[in-house]
Amino acid sequence: MTALEAVQTVQFVTIKEKRFAVIDAEEWEALVEWLETLEDLQIFKEGYAALEQAGGDRQQAGWLRWEDVRDEVA
């Protein structure tokens, strides 16, 4: 199911004059995963643009060396 399909399956209910959106939990999880992927893509694009702007020099682009941070990523 695509994110658009998940959003289109939302049902609305009104309780005590307040309107709520109701979505299937699996569809919600798929939607969150899709949004996380979009966020990851944006981070990649920004990092790649910085690398290009730095002429391919990772240090000048502000990238960290794997050897310096690998123990923090566990």
N, C-alpha and C. Protein backbone atom coordinates (compact mmCIF):
# COMPACT_ATOMS: atom_id res chain seq x y z
N MET A 1 0.85 -1.18 0.00
CA MET A 1 0.00 0.00 0.00
C MET A 1 0.89 1.24 0.00
N THR A 2 0.53 2.19 -0.83
CA THR A 2 1.28 3.44 -0.88
C THR A 2 0.81 4.38 0.23
N ALA A 3 1.60 5.40 0.46
CA ALA A 3 1.21 6.40 1.47
C ALA A 3 -0.09 7.07 1.07
N LEU A 4 -0.23 7.36 -0.21
CA LEU A 4 -1.45 8.00 -0.67
C LEU A 4 -2.66 7.11 -0.42
N GLU A 5 -2.53 5.82 -0.67
CA GLU A 5 -3.63 4.89 -0.41
C GLU A 5 -3.95 4.83 1.08
N ALA A 6 -2.92 4.85 1.92
CA ALA A 6 -3.14 4.81 3.37
C ALA A 6 -3.90 6.05 3.82
N VAL A 7 -3.52 7.19 3.29
CA VAL A 7 -4.19 8.43 3.67
C VAL A 7 -5.64 8.42 3.19
N GLN A 8 -5.87 7.84 2.04
CA GLN A 8 -7.23 7.81 1.49
C GLN A 8 -8.15 6.87 2.25
N THR A 9 -7.59 5.97 3.06
CA THR A 9 -8.42 5.03 3.82
C THR A 9 -8.83 5.58 5.19
N VAL A 10 -8.35 6.76 5.52
CA VAL A 10 -8.68 7.36 6.81
C VAL A 10 -10.18 7.54 6.94
N GLN A 11 -10.69 7.20 8.11
CA GLN A 11 -12.10 7.44 8.41
C GLN A 11 -12.16 8.46 9.53
N PHE A 12 -13.20 9.26 9.53
CA PHE A 12 -13.33 10.30 10.53
C PHE A 12 -14.50 10.01 11.45
N VAL A 13 -14.29 10.27 12.73
CA VAL A 13 -15.36 10.13 13.71
C VAL A 13 -15.41 11.40 14.55
N THR A 14 -16.57 11.71 15.06
CA THR A 14 -16.73 12.88 15.91
C THR A 14 -17.19 12.41 17.29
N ILE A 15 -16.44 12.81 18.30
CA ILE A 15 -16.77 12.46 19.67
C ILE A 15 -16.74 13.76 20.49
N LYS A 16 -17.85 14.04 21.13
CA LYS A 16 -17.97 15.26 21.95
C LYS A 16 -17.52 16.49 21.16
N GLU A 17 -18.04 16.60 19.97
CA GLU A 17 -17.80 17.75 19.09
C GLU A 17 -16.34 17.89 18.65
N LYS A 18 -15.56 16.84 18.80
CA LYS A 18 -14.17 16.86 18.36
C LYS A 18 -14.00 15.80 17.29
N ARG A 19 -13.39 16.18 16.16
CA ARG A 19 -13.25 15.27 15.02
C ARG A 19 -11.90 14.56 15.09
N PHE A 20 -11.92 13.23 14.90
CA PHE A 20 -10.71 12.42 14.95
C PHE A 20 -10.55 11.65 13.64
N ALA A 21 -9.31 11.44 13.25
CA ALA A 21 -9.00 10.61 12.09
C ALA A 21 -8.64 9.21 12.60
N VAL A 22 -9.20 8.20 11.98
CA VAL A 22 -8.95 6.81 12.38
C VAL A 22 -8.33 6.09 11.19
N ILE A 23 -7.19 5.43 11.46
CA ILE A 23 -6.49 4.70 10.40
C ILE A 23 -6.03 3.36 10.95
N ASP A 24 -6.02 2.36 10.12
CA ASP A 24 -5.57 1.02 10.49
C ASP A 24 -4.11 1.11 10.96
N ALA A 25 -3.78 0.38 12.01
CA ALA A 25 -2.43 0.45 12.59
C ALA A 25 -1.35 0.08 11.57
N GLU A 26 -1.59 -0.93 10.76
CA GLU A 26 -0.61 -1.32 9.74
C GLU A 26 -0.42 -0.21 8.71
N GLU A 27 -1.51 0.43 8.35
CA GLU A 27 -1.42 1.54 7.40
C GLU A 27 -0.68 2.72 8.03
N TRP A 28 -0.90 2.96 9.32
CA TRP A 28 -0.20 4.02 10.02
C TRP A 28 1.31 3.74 10.01
N GLU A 29 1.69 2.49 10.33
CA GLU A 29 3.10 2.13 10.34
C GLU A 29 3.73 2.28 8.96
N ALA A 30 2.99 1.92 7.91
CA ALA A 30 3.49 2.10 6.55
C ALA A 30 3.68 3.58 6.23
N LEU A 31 2.77 4.40 6.70
CA LEU A 31 2.85 5.84 6.48
C LEU A 31 4.06 6.43 7.20
N VAL A 32 4.28 6.01 8.43
CA VAL A 32 5.45 6.48 9.20
C VAL A 32 6.73 6.04 8.51
N GLU A 33 6.79 4.81 8.03
CA GLU A 33 7.97 4.31 7.33
C GLU A 33 8.24 5.13 6.06
N TRP A 34 7.17 5.47 5.35
CA TRP A 34 7.30 6.27 4.14
C TRP A 34 7.85 7.65 4.47
N LEU A 35 7.35 8.26 5.55
CA LEU A 35 7.83 9.58 5.96
C LEU A 35 9.30 9.52 6.40
N GLU A 36 9.68 8.44 7.08
CA GLU A 36 11.07 8.28 7.49
C GLU A 36 11.98 8.14 6.27
N THR A 37 11.51 7.44 5.26
CA THR A 37 12.27 7.30 4.02
C THR A 37 12.46 8.66 3.35
N LEU A 38 11.40 9.46 3.31
CA LEU A 38 11.51 10.81 2.75
C LEU A 38 12.53 11.63 3.51
N GLU A 39 12.51 11.52 4.83
CA GLU A 39 13.45 12.25 5.66
C GLU A 39 14.89 11.80 5.37
N ASP A 40 15.09 10.49 5.25
CA ASP A 40 16.41 9.95 4.93
C ASP A 40 16.90 10.46 3.58
N LEU A 41 16.00 10.49 2.59
CA LEU A 41 16.37 10.98 1.27
C LEU A 41 16.79 12.44 1.32
N GLN A 42 16.09 13.24 2.10
CA GLN A 42 16.43 14.66 2.23
C GLN A 42 17.80 14.81 2.87
N ILE A 43 18.08 14.03 3.90
CA ILE A 43 19.39 14.07 4.56
C ILE A 43 20.48 13.69 3.58
N PHE A 44 20.23 12.65 2.78
CA PHE A 44 21.20 12.22 1.78
C PHE A 44 21.46 13.33 0.76
N LYS A 45 20.39 13.94 0.26
CA LYS A 45 20.53 15.00 -0.74
C LYS A 45 21.34 16.17 -0.20
N GLU A 46 21.08 16.56 1.04
CA GLU A 46 21.82 17.66 1.65
C GLU A 46 23.29 17.29 1.84
N GLY A 47 23.54 16.07 2.28
CA GLY A 47 24.92 15.62 2.47
C GLY A 47 25.68 15.52 1.16
N TYR A 48 25.01 15.02 0.14
CA TYR A 48 25.64 14.89 -1.17
C TYR A 48 25.92 16.28 -1.76
N ALA A 49 24.99 17.21 -1.59
CA ALA A 49 25.19 18.57 -2.08
C ALA A 49 26.38 19.22 -1.38
N ALA A 50 26.50 19.00 -0.08
CA ALA A 50 27.63 19.55 0.67
C ALA A 50 28.93 18.94 0.18
N LEU A 51 28.91 17.65 -0.12
CA LEU A 51 30.11 16.97 -0.62
C LEU A 51 30.50 17.51 -2.00
N GLU A 52 29.52 17.70 -2.86
CA GLU A 52 29.81 18.27 -4.18
C GLU A 52 30.38 19.68 -4.06
N GLN A 53 29.78 20.47 -3.17
CA GLN A 53 30.23 21.84 -2.97
C GLN A 53 31.66 21.88 -2.44
N ALA A 54 32.04 20.86 -1.70
CA ALA A 54 33.39 20.78 -1.13
C ALA A 54 34.36 20.10 -2.10
N GLY A 55 33.92 19.90 -3.32
CA GLY A 55 34.80 19.30 -4.33
C GLY A 55 35.15 17.86 -4.04
N GLY A 56 34.27 17.15 -3.34
CA GLY A 56 34.50 15.74 -3.02
C GLY A 56 35.31 15.52 -1.76
N ASP A 57 35.71 16.58 -1.10
CA ASP A 57 36.51 16.48 0.13
C ASP A 57 35.55 16.25 1.31
N ARG A 58 35.53 15.03 1.82
CA ARG A 58 34.59 14.67 2.89
C ARG A 58 34.82 15.48 4.16
N GLN A 59 36.06 15.70 4.49
CA GLN A 59 36.36 16.46 5.71
C GLN A 59 35.88 17.91 5.57
N GLN A 60 36.13 18.51 4.43
CA GLN A 60 35.69 19.89 4.20
C GLN A 60 34.17 19.99 4.18
N ALA A 61 33.50 18.91 3.74
CA ALA A 61 32.04 18.89 3.71
C ALA A 61 31.44 18.68 5.10
N GLY A 62 32.30 18.41 6.08
CA GLY A 62 31.82 18.23 7.45
C GLY A 62 31.48 16.80 7.81
N TRP A 63 31.87 15.87 6.94
CA TRP A 63 31.59 14.46 7.21
C TRP A 63 32.57 13.96 8.28
N LEU A 64 32.09 13.05 9.10
CA LEU A 64 32.93 12.46 10.14
C LEU A 64 33.56 11.18 9.62
N ARG A 65 34.73 10.87 10.13
CA ARG A 65 35.39 9.62 9.75
C ARG A 65 34.74 8.46 10.51
N TRP A 66 34.46 7.37 9.81
CA TRP A 66 33.82 6.21 10.41
C TRP A 66 34.61 5.72 11.62
N GLU A 67 35.91 5.69 11.49
CA GLU A 67 36.77 5.21 12.56
C GLU A 67 36.59 6.02 13.84
N ASP A 68 36.23 7.29 13.69
CA ASP A 68 36.06 8.17 14.84
C ASP A 68 34.71 8.02 15.54
N VAL A 69 33.73 7.49 14.86
CA VAL A 69 32.38 7.46 15.43
C VAL A 69 31.74 6.08 15.50
N ARG A 70 32.40 5.06 14.96
CA ARG A 70 31.75 3.74 14.89
C ARG A 70 31.33 3.19 16.24
N ASP A 71 32.08 3.48 17.30
CA ASP A 71 31.74 2.96 18.62
C ASP A 71 30.51 3.67 19.22
N GLU A 72 30.19 4.84 18.71
CA GLU A 72 29.04 5.60 19.19
C GLU A 72 27.74 5.16 18.52
N VAL A 73 27.84 4.38 17.45
CA VAL A 73 26.69 4.00 16.65
C VAL A 73 26.21 2.58 16.99
N ALA A 74 26.53 2.10 18.11
CA ALA A 74 26.18 0.72 18.47
C ALA A 74 24.89 0.64 19.21
